Amino acid sequence: MPARGVEPLFRVYESLVLPLNYAGLNNKLTLTQTSYILNIMSVFSSIIEYFKASKTELNQVNWPNRKETIKYTILIIAISLAVSAFLGSLDYLFQNLINKFIVGT
């Protein structure tokens, strides 16, 4: 019996590889090929486990409702406009100072 963590892989191995052995292909299926099949199944199993864990985490997220989303969107737009106006005014001020004192125009 395989170790506890690889039971699903062993079941897949049993369903994919062992029927080939019973069909008389056991002399054509080498240990390297069997190992390769198990490695591929391990990669796919890891990917599936990642997506299952991601789904579980996304179900635990406290998503904002529509009213909160609209409120925060308006807040972000207002802050962005304020910061852009502030930086634009600094740019204009420094451009005029450089033109006045360094360039002399």
PDB file of N, CA and C in Angstrom:
ATOM      1  N   MET A   1       0.852  -1.192   0.000  1.00  0.00           N
ATOM      2  CA  MET A   1       0.000   0.000   0.000  1.00  0.00           C
ATOM      3  C   MET A   1       0.888   1.241   0.000  1.00  0.00           C
ATOM      4  N   PRO A   2       0.581   2.222  -0.821  1.00  0.00           N
ATOM      5  CA  PRO A   2       1.417   3.412  -0.919  1.00  0.00           C
ATOM      6  C   PRO A   2       1.266   4.296   0.319  1.00  0.00           C
ATOM      7  N   ALA A   3       2.160   5.284   0.404  1.00  0.00           N
ATOM      8  CA  ALA A   3       2.095   6.236   1.514  1.00  0.00           C
ATOM      9  C   ALA A   3       0.796   7.017   1.450  1.00  0.00           C
ATOM     10  N   ARG A   4       0.439   7.646   2.566  1.00  0.00           N
ATOM     11  CA  ARG A   4      -0.869   8.281   2.692  1.00  0.00           C
ATOM     12  C   ARG A   4      -1.087   9.405   1.680  1.00  0.00           C
ATOM     13  N   GLY A   5      -0.066  10.236   1.425  1.00  0.00           N
ATOM     14  CA  GLY A   5      -0.238  11.388   0.550  1.00  0.00           C
ATOM     15  C   GLY A   5      -0.356  11.059  -0.926  1.00  0.00           C
ATOM     16  N   VAL A   6       0.045   9.845  -1.312  1.00  0.00           N
ATOM     17  CA  VAL A   6       0.035   9.511  -2.733  1.00  0.00           C
ATOM     18  C   VAL A   6      -1.086   8.539  -3.096  1.00  0.00           C
ATOM     19  N   GLU A   7      -2.045   8.370  -2.220  1.00  0.00           N
ATOM     20  CA  GLU A   7      -3.142   7.446  -2.519  1.00  0.00           C
ATOM     21  C   GLU A   7      -3.896   7.821  -3.796  1.00  0.00           C
ATOM     22  N   PRO A   8      -4.252   9.106  -4.001  1.00  0.00           N
ATOM     23  CA  PRO A   8      -4.930   9.434  -5.254  1.00  0.00           C
ATOM     24  C   PRO A   8      -4.066   9.130  -6.474  1.00  0.00           C
ATOM     25  N   LEU A   9      -2.758   9.387  -6.361  1.00  0.00           N
ATOM     26  CA  LEU A   9      -1.863   9.091  -7.481  1.00  0.00           C
ATOM     27  C   LEU A   9      -1.793   7.588  -7.721  1.00  0.00           C
ATOM     28  N   PHE A  10      -1.796   6.822  -6.650  1.00  0.00           N
ATOM     29  CA  PHE A  10      -1.731   5.385  -6.816  1.00  0.00           C
ATOM     30  C   PHE A  10      -3.002   4.866  -7.492  1.00  0.00           C
ATOM     31  N   ARG A  11      -4.150   5.463  -7.130  1.00  0.00           N
ATOM     32  CA  ARG A  11      -5.389   5.043  -7.784  1.00  0.00           C
ATOM     33  C   ARG A  11      -5.344   5.367  -9.278  1.00  0.00           C
ATOM     34  N   VAL A  12      -4.810   6.549  -9.636  1.00  0.00           N
ATOM     35  CA  VAL A  12      -4.673   6.889 -11.056  1.00  0.00           C
ATOM     36  C   VAL A  12      -3.683   5.944 -11.714  1.00  0.00           C
ATOM     37  N   TYR A  13      -2.585   5.651 -11.022  1.00  0.00           N
ATOM     38  CA  TYR A  13      -1.603   4.712 -11.545  1.00  0.00           C
ATOM     39  C   TYR A  13      -2.238   3.345 -11.797  1.00  0.00           C
ATOM     40  N   GLU A  14      -3.042   2.903 -10.836  1.00  0.00           N
ATOM     41  CA  GLU A  14      -3.713   1.619 -11.005  1.00  0.00           C
ATOM     42  C   GLU A  14      -4.637   1.632 -12.205  1.00  0.00           C
ATOM     43  N   SER A  15      -5.325   2.774 -12.422  1.00  0.00           N
ATOM     44  CA  SER A  15      -6.289   2.812 -13.517  1.00  0.00           C
ATOM     45  C   SER A  15      -5.620   2.995 -14.872  1.00  0.00           C
ATOM     46  N   LEU A  16      -4.420   3.589 -14.903  1.00  0.00           N
ATOM     47  CA  LEU A  16      -3.765   3.831 -16.191  1.00  0.00           C
ATOM     48  C   LEU A  16      -2.718   2.792 -16.543  1.00  0.00           C
ATOM     49  N   VAL A  17      -1.865   2.444 -15.610  1.00  0.00           N
ATOM     50  CA  VAL A  17      -0.697   1.626 -15.910  1.00  0.00           C
ATOM     51  C   VAL A  17      -0.976   0.139 -15.740  1.00  0.00           C
ATOM     52  N   LEU A  18      -1.649  -0.227 -14.662  1.00  0.00           N
ATOM     53  CA  LEU A  18      -1.855  -1.652 -14.414  1.00  0.00           C
ATOM     54  C   LEU A  18      -2.682  -2.335 -15.493  1.00  0.00           C
ATOM     55  N   PRO A  19      -3.709  -1.703 -16.080  1.00  0.00           N
ATOM     56  CA  PRO A  19      -4.395  -2.386 -17.184  1.00  0.00           C
ATOM     57  C   PRO A  19      -3.477  -2.685 -18.364  1.00  0.00           C
ATOM     58  N   LEU A  20      -2.477  -1.827 -18.585  1.00  0.00           N
ATOM     59  CA  LEU A  20      -1.521  -2.115 -19.655  1.00  0.00           C
ATOM     60  C   LEU A  20      -0.715  -3.363 -19.326  1.00  0.00           C
ATOM     61  N   ASN A  21      -0.362  -3.508 -18.056  1.00  0.00           N
ATOM     62  CA  ASN A  21       0.382  -4.706 -17.646  1.00  0.00           C
ATOM     63  C   ASN A  21      -0.476  -5.960 -17.801  1.00  0.00           C
ATOM     64  N   TYR A  22      -1.764  -5.863 -17.438  1.00  0.00           N
ATOM     65  CA  TYR A  22      -2.650  -7.013 -17.556  1.00  0.00           C
ATOM     66  C   TYR A  22      -2.945  -7.351 -19.013  1.00  0.00           C
ATOM     67  N   ALA A  23      -2.810  -6.374 -19.883  1.00  0.00           N
ATOM     68  CA  ALA A  23      -3.075  -6.627 -21.301  1.00  0.00           C
ATOM     69  C   ALA A  23      -1.886  -7.268 -21.989  1.00  0.00           C
ATOM     70  N   GLY A  24      -0.856  -7.560 -21.221  1.00  0.00           N
ATOM     71  CA  GLY A  24       0.308  -8.211 -21.811  1.00  0.00           C
ATOM     72  C   GLY A  24       1.358  -7.227 -22.281  1.00  0.00           C
ATOM     73  N   LEU A  25       1.237  -5.968 -21.898  1.00  0.00           N
ATOM     74  CA  LEU A  25       2.214  -4.970 -22.312  1.00  0.00           C
ATOM     75  C   LEU A  25       3.245  -4.700 -21.223  1.00  0.00           C
ATOM     76  N   ASN A  26       3.305  -5.588 -20.225  1.00  0.00           N
ATOM     77  CA  ASN A  26       4.207  -5.330 -19.112  1.00  0.00           C
ATOM     78  C   ASN A  26       5.666  -5.357 -19.540  1.00  0.00           C
ATOM     79  N   ASN A  27       5.991  -6.116 -20.567  1.00  0.00           N
ATOM     80  CA  ASN A  27       7.374  -6.122 -21.012  1.00  0.00           C
ATOM     81  C   ASN A  27       7.696  -4.896 -21.859  1.00  0.00           C
ATOM     82  N   LYS A  28       6.673  -4.194 -22.331  1.00  0.00           N
ATOM     83  CA  LYS A  28       6.905  -2.996 -23.139  1.00  0.00           C
ATOM     84  C   LYS A  28       6.880  -1.722 -22.298  1.00  0.00           C
ATOM     85  N   LEU A  29       6.384  -1.781 -21.070  1.00  0.00           N
ATOM     86  CA  LEU A  29       6.301  -0.613 -20.203  1.00  0.00           C
ATOM     87  C   LEU A  29       7.450  -0.689 -19.196  1.00  0.00           C
ATOM     88  N   THR A  30       8.472   0.128 -19.436  1.00  0.00           N
ATOM     89  CA  THR A  30       9.664   0.069 -18.596  1.00  0.00           C
ATOM     90  C   THR A  30       9.459   0.857 -17.314  1.00  0.00           C
ATOM     91  N   LEU A  31      10.397   0.701 -16.399  1.00  0.00           N
ATOM     92  CA  LEU A  31      10.353   1.429 -15.140  1.00  0.00           C
ATOM     93  C   LEU A  31      10.479   2.930 -15.385  1.00  0.00           C
ATOM     94  N   THR A  32      11.273   3.320 -16.364  1.00  0.00           N
ATOM     95  CA  THR A  32      11.430   4.739 -16.704  1.00  0.00           C
ATOM     96  C   THR A  32      10.116   5.315 -17.210  1.00  0.00           C
ATOM     97  N   GLN A  33       9.416   4.573 -18.045  1.00  0.00           N
ATOM     98  CA  GLN A  33       8.125   5.046 -18.547  1.00  0.00           C
ATOM     99  C   GLN A  33       7.108   5.143 -17.416  1.00  0.00           C
ATOM    100  N   THR A  34       7.109   4.176 -16.533  1.00  0.00           N
ATOM    101  CA  THR A  34       6.196   4.205 -15.392  1.00  0.00           C
ATOM    102  C   THR A  34       6.503   5.401 -14.496  1.00  0.00           C
ATOM    103  N   SER A  35       7.787   5.641 -14.259  1.00  0.00           N
ATOM    104  CA  SER A  35       8.200   6.789 -13.453  1.00  0.00           C
ATOM    105  C   SER A  35       7.784   8.095 -14.129  1.00  0.00           C
ATOM    106  N   TYR A  36       7.925   8.159 -15.440  1.00  0.00           N
ATOM    107  CA  TYR A  36       7.528   9.347 -16.199  1.00  0.00           C
ATOM    108  C   TYR A  36       6.023   9.595 -16.053  1.00  0.00           C
ATOM    109  N   ILE A  37       5.237   8.540 -16.149  1.00  0.00           N
ATOM    110  CA  ILE A  37       3.782   8.670 -15.990  1.00  0.00           C
ATOM    111  C   ILE A  37       3.441   9.171 -14.595  1.00  0.00           C
ATOM    112  N   LEU A  38       4.103   8.639 -13.593  1.00  0.00           N
ATOM    113  CA  LEU A  38       3.851   9.079 -12.214  1.00  0.00           C
ATOM    114  C   LEU A  38       4.265  10.528 -12.008  1.00  0.00           C
ATOM    115  N   ASN A  39       5.366  10.956 -12.639  1.00  0.00           N
ATOM    116  CA  ASN A  39       5.790  12.345 -12.532  1.00  0.00           C
ATOM    117  C   ASN A  39       4.766  13.287 -13.165  1.00  0.00           C
ATOM    118  N   ILE A  40       4.246  12.917 -14.311  1.00  0.00           N
ATOM    119  CA  ILE A  40       3.222  13.741 -14.971  1.00  0.00           C
ATOM    120  C   ILE A  40       1.975  13.817 -14.092  1.00  0.00           C
ATOM    121  N   MET A  41       1.570  12.684 -13.525  1.00  0.00           N
ATOM    122  CA  MET A  41       0.387  12.679 -12.662  1.00  0.00           C
ATOM    123  C   MET A  41       0.628  13.531 -11.421  1.00  0.00           C
ATOM    124  N   SER A  42       1.853  13.520 -10.912  1.00  0.00           N
ATOM    125  CA  SER A  42       2.186  14.326  -9.744  1.00  0.00           C
ATOM    126  C   SER A  42       2.078  15.814 -10.061  1.00  0.00           C
ATOM    127  N   VAL A  43       2.537  16.224 -11.236  1.00  0.00           N
ATOM    128  CA  VAL A  43       2.445  17.633 -11.638  1.00  0.00           C
ATOM    129  C   VAL A  43       0.984  18.047 -11.754  1.00  0.00           C
ATOM    130  N   PHE A  44       0.188  17.238 -12.425  1.00  0.00           N
ATOM    131  CA  PHE A  44      -1.228  17.563 -12.569  1.00  0.00           C
ATOM    132  C   PHE A  44      -1.941  17.562 -11.221  1.00  0.00           C
ATOM    133  N   SER A  45      -1.557  16.652 -10.348  1.00  0.00           N
ATOM    134  CA  SER A  45      -2.156  16.609  -9.021  1.00  0.00           C
ATOM    135  C   SER A  45      -1.816  17.880  -8.242  1.00  0.00           C
ATOM    136  N   SER A  46      -0.585  18.365  -8.371  1.00  0.00           N
ATOM    137  CA  SER A  46      -0.184  19.603  -7.697  1.00  0.00           C
ATOM    138  C   SER A  46      -0.970  20.794  -8.233  1.00  0.00           C
ATOM    139  N   ILE A  47      -1.169  20.849  -9.530  1.00  0.00           N
ATOM    140  CA  ILE A  47      -1.932  21.945 -10.136  1.00  0.00           C
ATOM    141  C   ILE A  47      -3.379  21.913  -9.657  1.00  0.00           C
ATOM    142  N   ILE A  48      -3.959  20.729  -9.612  1.00  0.00           N
ATOM    143  CA  ILE A  48      -5.348  20.595  -9.156  1.00  0.00           C
ATOM    144  C   ILE A  48      -5.463  21.013  -7.694  1.00  0.00           C
ATOM    145  N   GLU A  49      -4.511  20.604  -6.859  1.00  0.00           N
ATOM    146  CA  GLU A  49      -4.529  20.992  -5.449  1.00  0.00           C
ATOM    147  C   GLU A  49      -4.387  22.501  -5.284  1.00  0.00           C
ATOM    148  N   TYR A  50      -3.566  23.131  -6.143  1.00  0.00           N
ATOM    149  CA  TYR A  50      -3.415  24.588  -6.092  1.00  0.00           C
ATOM    150  C   TYR A  50      -4.746  25.279  -6.374  1.00  0.00           C
ATOM    151  N   PHE A  51      -5.442  24.832  -7.414  1.00  0.00           N
ATOM    152  CA  PHE A  51      -6.723  25.458  -7.754  1.00  0.00           C
ATOM    153  C   PHE A  51      -7.782  25.195  -6.679  1.00  0.00           C
ATOM    154  N   LYS A  52      -7.766  24.027  -6.077  1.00  0.00           N
ATOM    155  CA  LYS A  52      -8.709  23.746  -4.986  1.00  0.00           C
ATOM    156  C   LYS A  52      -8.444  24.668  -3.799  1.00  0.00           C
ATOM    157  N   ALA A  53      -7.177  24.852  -3.453  1.00  0.00           N
ATOM    158  CA  ALA A  53      -6.827  25.741  -2.339  1.00  0.00           C
ATOM    159  C   ALA A  53      -7.182  27.186  -2.671  1.00  0.00           C
ATOM    160  N   SER A  54      -6.965  27.587  -3.921  1.00  0.00           N
ATOM    161  CA  SER A  54      -7.312  28.950  -4.338  1.00  0.00           C
ATOM    162  C   SER A  54      -8.814  29.180  -4.231  1.00  0.00           C
ATOM    163  N   LYS A  55      -9.599  28.202  -4.649  1.00  0.00           N
ATOM    164  CA  LYS A  55     -11.052  28.335  -4.563  1.00  0.00           C
ATOM    165  C   LYS A  55     -11.494  28.446  -3.107  1.00  0.00           C
ATOM    166  N   THR A  56     -10.886  27.649  -2.232  1.00  0.00           N
ATOM    167  CA  THR A  56     -11.220  27.712  -0.810  1.00  0.00           C
ATOM    168  C   THR A  56     -10.894  29.090  -0.242  1.00  0.00           C
ATOM    169  N   GLU A  57      -9.745  29.642  -0.597  1.00  0.00           N
ATOM    170  CA  GLU A  57      -9.362  30.969  -0.111  1.00  0.00           C
ATOM    171  C   GLU A  57     -10.296  32.048  -0.645  1.00  0.00           C
ATOM    172  N   LEU A  58     -10.673  31.951  -1.921  1.00  0.00           N
ATOM    173  CA  LEU A  58     -11.574  32.958  -2.494  1.00  0.00           C
ATOM    174  C   LEU A  58     -12.960  32.901  -1.865  1.00  0.00           C
ATOM    175  N   ASN A  59     -13.379  31.734  -1.424  1.00  0.00           N
ATOM    176  CA  ASN A  59     -14.667  31.632  -0.736  1.00  0.00           C
ATOM    177  C   ASN A  59     -14.628  32.282   0.642  1.00  0.00           C
ATOM    178  N   GLN A  60     -13.443  32.419   1.228  1.00  0.00           N
ATOM    179  CA  GLN A  60     -13.315  33.015   2.550  1.00  0.00           C
ATOM    180  C   GLN A  60     -13.137  34.530   2.507  1.00  0.00           C
ATOM    181  N   VAL A  61     -12.951  35.089   1.314  1.00  0.00           N
ATOM    182  CA  VAL A  61     -12.740  36.529   1.181  1.00  0.00           C
ATOM    183  C   VAL A  61     -14.041  37.270   1.476  1.00  0.00           C
ATOM    184  N   ASN A  62     -13.939  38.375   2.206  1.00  0.00           N
ATOM    185  CA  ASN A  62     -15.084  39.223   2.499  1.00  0.00           C
ATOM    186  C   ASN A  62     -15.171  40.284   1.400  1.00  0.00           C
ATOM    187  N   TRP A  63     -15.943  40.001   0.369  1.00  0.00           N
ATOM    188  CA  TRP A  63     -16.039  40.886  -0.780  1.00  0.00           C
ATOM    189  C   TRP A  63     -16.923  42.085  -0.452  1.00  0.00           C
ATOM    190  N   PRO A  64     -16.559  43.294  -0.954  1.00  0.00           N
ATOM    191  CA  PRO A  64     -17.401  44.470  -0.711  1.00  0.00           C
ATOM    192  C   PRO A  64     -18.695  44.387  -1.525  1.00  0.00           C
ATOM    193  N   ASN A  65     -19.739  45.036  -0.984  1.00  0.00           N
ATOM    194  CA  ASN A  65     -20.989  45.050  -1.738  1.00  0.00           C
ATOM    195  C   ASN A  65     -20.935  46.167  -2.783  1.00  0.00           C
ATOM    196  N   ARG A  66     -22.004  46.320  -3.542  1.00  0.00           N
ATOM    197  CA  ARG A  66     -22.021  47.281  -4.649  1.00  0.00           C
ATOM    198  C   ARG A  66     -21.849  48.720  -4.148  1.00  0.00           C
ATOM    199  N   LYS A  67     -22.505  49.065  -3.042  1.00  0.00           N
ATOM    200  CA  LYS A  67     -22.428  50.425  -2.513  1.00  0.00           C
ATOM    201  C   LYS A  67     -20.997  50.764  -2.086  1.00  0.00           C
ATOM    202  N   GLU A  68     -20.346  49.840  -1.386  1.00  0.00           N
ATOM    203  CA  GLU A  68     -18.962  50.066  -0.964  1.00  0.00           C
ATOM    204  C   GLU A  68     -18.021  50.182  -2.156  1.00  0.00           C
ATOM    205  N   THR A  69     -18.249  49.353  -3.171  1.00  0.00           N
ATOM    206  CA  THR A  69     -17.399  49.385  -4.356  1.00  0.00           C
ATOM    207  C   THR A  69     -17.503  50.726  -5.064  1.00  0.00           C
ATOM    208  N   ILE A  70     -18.718  51.250  -5.209  1.00  0.00           N
ATOM    209  CA  ILE A  70     -18.909  52.553  -5.854  1.00  0.00           C
ATOM    210  C   ILE A  70     -18.255  53.650  -5.026  1.00  0.00           C
ATOM    211  N   LYS A  71     -18.428  53.592  -3.710  1.00  0.00           N
ATOM    212  CA  LYS A  71     -17.856  54.607  -2.821  1.00  0.00           C
ATOM    213  C   LYS A  71     -16.332  54.617  -2.924  1.00  0.00           C
ATOM    214  N   TYR A  72     -15.711  53.453  -2.885  1.00  0.00           N
ATOM    215  CA  TYR A  72     -14.254  53.383  -2.947  1.00  0.00           C
ATOM    216  C   TYR A  72     -13.731  53.759  -4.328  1.00  0.00           C
ATOM    217  N   THR A  73     -14.476  53.452  -5.374  1.00  0.00           N
ATOM    218  CA  THR A  73     -14.063  53.836  -6.718  1.00  0.00           C
ATOM    219  C   THR A  73     -14.061  55.352  -6.868  1.00  0.00           C
ATOM    220  N   ILE A  74     -15.100  56.003  -6.383  1.00  0.00           N
ATOM    221  CA  ILE A  74     -15.169  57.470  -6.440  1.00  0.00           C
ATOM    222  C   ILE A  74     -14.043  58.076  -5.606  1.00  0.00           C
ATOM    223  N   LEU A  75     -13.756  57.499  -4.442  1.00  0.00           N
ATOM    224  CA  LEU A  75     -12.676  57.981  -3.592  1.00  0.00           C
ATOM    225  C   LEU A  75     -11.326  57.879  -4.299  1.00  0.00           C
ATOM    226  N   ILE A  76     -11.071  56.774  -4.947  1.00  0.00           N
ATOM    227  CA  ILE A  76      -9.807  56.583  -5.671  1.00  0.00           C
ATOM    228  C   ILE A  76      -9.685  57.580  -6.816  1.00  0.00           C
ATOM    229  N   ILE A  77     -10.763  57.802  -7.555  1.00  0.00           N
ATOM    230  CA  ILE A  77     -10.724  58.765  -8.661  1.00  0.00           C
ATOM    231  C   ILE A  77     -10.467  60.175  -8.127  1.00  0.00           C
ATOM    232  N   ALA A  78     -11.119  60.548  -7.016  1.00  0.00           N
ATOM    233  CA  ALA A  78     -10.931  61.881  -6.438  1.00  0.00           C
ATOM    234  C   ALA A  78      -9.494  62.066  -5.954  1.00  0.00           C
ATOM    235  N   ILE A  79      -8.948  61.085  -5.282  1.00  0.00           N
ATOM    236  CA  ILE A  79      -7.564  61.183  -4.804  1.00  0.00           C
ATOM    237  C   ILE A  79      -6.602  61.261  -5.985  1.00  0.00           C
ATOM    238  N   SER A  80      -6.847  60.485  -7.023  1.00  0.00           N
ATOM    239  CA  SER A  80      -5.984  60.519  -8.208  1.00  0.00           C
ATOM    240  C   SER A  80      -6.012  61.887  -8.862  1.00  0.00           C
ATOM    241  N   LEU A  81      -7.191  62.491  -8.984  1.00  0.00           N
ATOM    242  CA  LEU A  81      -7.302  63.831  -9.562  1.00  0.00           C
ATOM    243  C   LEU A  81      -6.587  64.865  -8.693  1.00  0.00           C
ATOM    244  N   ALA A  82      -6.735  64.760  -7.373  1.00  0.00           N
ATOM    245  CA  ALA A  82      -6.075  65.706  -6.468  1.00  0.00           C
ATOM    246  C   ALA A  82      -4.549  65.584  -6.558  1.00  0.00           C
ATOM    247  N   VAL A  83      -4.044  64.377  -6.564  1.00  0.00           N
ATOM    248  CA  VAL A  83      -2.595  64.172  -6.658  1.00  0.00           C
ATOM    249  C   VAL A  83      -2.077  64.658  -8.009  1.00  0.00           C
ATOM    250  N   SER A  84      -2.806  64.387  -9.088  1.00  0.00           N
ATOM    251  CA  SER A  84      -2.355  64.847 -10.407  1.00  0.00           C
ATOM    252  C   SER A  84      -2.371  66.375 -10.490  1.00  0.00           C
ATOM    253  N   ALA A  85      -3.372  67.031  -9.888  1.00  0.00           N
ATOM    254  CA  ALA A  85      -3.405  68.501  -9.875  1.00  0.00           C
ATOM    255  C   ALA A  85      -2.232  69.046  -9.060  1.00  0.00           C
ATOM    256  N   PHE A  86      -1.939  68.433  -7.911  1.00  0.00           N
ATOM    257  CA  PHE A  86      -0.823  68.874  -7.077  1.00  0.00           C
ATOM    258  C   PHE A  86       0.502  68.722  -7.812  1.00  0.00           C
ATOM    259  N   LEU A  87       0.731  67.567  -8.412  1.00  0.00           N
ATOM    260  CA  LEU A  87       1.982  67.343  -9.136  1.00  0.00           C
ATOM    261  C   LEU A  87       2.079  68.223 -10.373  1.00  0.00           C
ATOM    262  N   GLY A  88       0.951  68.452 -11.038  1.00  0.00           N
ATOM    263  CA  GLY A  88       0.944  69.358 -12.193  1.00  0.00           C
ATOM    264  C   GLY A  88       1.296  70.773 -11.797  1.00  0.00           C
ATOM    265  N   SER A  89       0.784  71.241 -10.650  1.00  0.00           N
ATOM    266  CA  SER A  89       1.106  72.595 -10.187  1.00  0.00           C
ATOM    267  C   SER A  89       2.575  72.695  -9.788  1.00  0.00           C
ATOM    268  N   LEU A  90       3.129  71.650  -9.154  1.00  0.00           N
ATOM    269  CA  LEU A  90       4.561  71.660  -8.837  1.00  0.00           C
ATOM    270  C   LEU A  90       5.402  71.687 -10.107  1.00  0.00           C
ATOM    271  N   ASP A  91       4.999  70.918 -11.099  1.00  0.00           N
ATOM    272  CA  ASP A  91       5.711  70.894 -12.368  1.00  0.00           C
ATOM    273  C   ASP A  91       5.699  72.285 -13.006  1.00  0.00           C
ATOM    274  N   TYR A  92       4.543  72.911 -13.014  1.00  0.00           N
ATOM    275  CA  TYR A  92       4.414  74.259 -13.594  1.00  0.00           C
ATOM    276  C   TYR A  92       5.271  75.262 -12.823  1.00  0.00           C
ATOM    277  N   LEU A  93       5.258  75.177 -11.486  1.00  0.00           N
ATOM    278  CA  LEU A  93       6.035  76.081 -10.654  1.00  0.00           C
ATOM    279  C   LEU A  93       7.531  75.915 -10.908  1.00  0.00           C
ATOM    280  N   PHE A  94       8.013  74.691 -10.883  1.00  0.00           N
ATOM    281  CA  PHE A  94       9.446  74.469 -11.102  1.00  0.00           C
ATOM    282  C   PHE A  94       9.870  74.805 -12.528  1.00  0.00           C
ATOM    283  N   GLN A  95       9.006  74.576 -13.484  1.00  0.00           N
ATOM    284  CA  GLN A  95       9.324  74.943 -14.864  1.00  0.00           C
ATOM    285  C   GLN A  95       9.500  76.457 -14.967  1.00  0.00           C
ATOM    286  N   ASN A  96       8.609  77.211 -14.346  1.00  0.00           N
ATOM    287  CA  ASN A  96       8.726  78.671 -14.375  1.00  0.00           C
ATOM    288  C   ASN A  96       9.956  79.144 -13.617  1.00  0.00           C
ATOM    289  N   LEU A  97      10.264  78.531 -12.470  1.00  0.00           N
ATOM    290  CA  LEU A  97      11.467  78.923 -11.721  1.00  0.00           C
ATOM    291  C   LEU A  97      12.728  78.642 -12.515  1.00  0.00           C
ATOM    292  N   ILE A  98      12.790  77.496 -13.162  1.00  0.00           N
ATOM    293  CA  ILE A  98      13.974  77.165 -13.966  1.00  0.00           C
ATOM    294  C   ILE A  98      14.088  78.137 -15.144  1.00  0.00           C
ATOM    295  N   ASN A  99      12.984  78.412 -15.800  1.00  0.00           N
ATOM    296  CA  ASN A  99      13.022  79.342 -16.926  1.00  0.00           C
ATOM    297  C   ASN A  99      13.434  80.736 -16.470  1.00  0.00           C
ATOM    298  N   LYS A 100      12.986  81.164 -15.299  1.00  0.00           N
ATOM    299  CA  LYS A 100      13.281  82.516 -14.808  1.00  0.00           C
ATOM    300  C   LYS A 100      14.713  82.666 -14.340  1.00  0.00           C
ATOM    301  N   PHE A 101      15.236  81.710 -13.540  1.00  0.00           N
ATOM    302  CA  PHE A 101      16.538  81.881 -12.941  1.00  0.00           C
ATOM    303  C   PHE A 101      17.677  81.270 -13.736  1.00  0.00           C
ATOM    304  N   ILE A 102      17.467  80.163 -14.386  1.00  0.00           N
ATOM    305  CA  ILE A 102      18.572  79.499 -15.091  1.00  0.00           C
ATOM    306  C   ILE A 102      18.632  79.930 -16.541  1.00  0.00           C
ATOM    307  N   VAL A 103      17.526  79.846 -17.224  1.00  0.00           N
ATOM    308  CA  VAL A 103      17.502  80.182 -18.653  1.00  0.00           C
ATOM    309  C   VAL A 103      17.508  81.699 -18.826  1.00  0.00           C
ATOM    310  N   GLY A 104      16.797  82.402 -17.947  1.00  0.00           N
ATOM    311  CA  GLY A 104      16.764  83.846 -17.998  1.00  0.00           C
ATOM    312  C   GLY A 104      15.720  84.403 -18.936  1.00  0.00           C
ATOM    313  N   THR A 105      14.689  83.646 -19.219  1.00  0.00           N
ATOM    314  CA  THR A 105      13.658  84.160 -20.112  1.00  0.00           C
ATOM    315  C   THR A 105      12.516  84.762 -19.342  1.00  0.00           C
TER     316      THR A 105
END
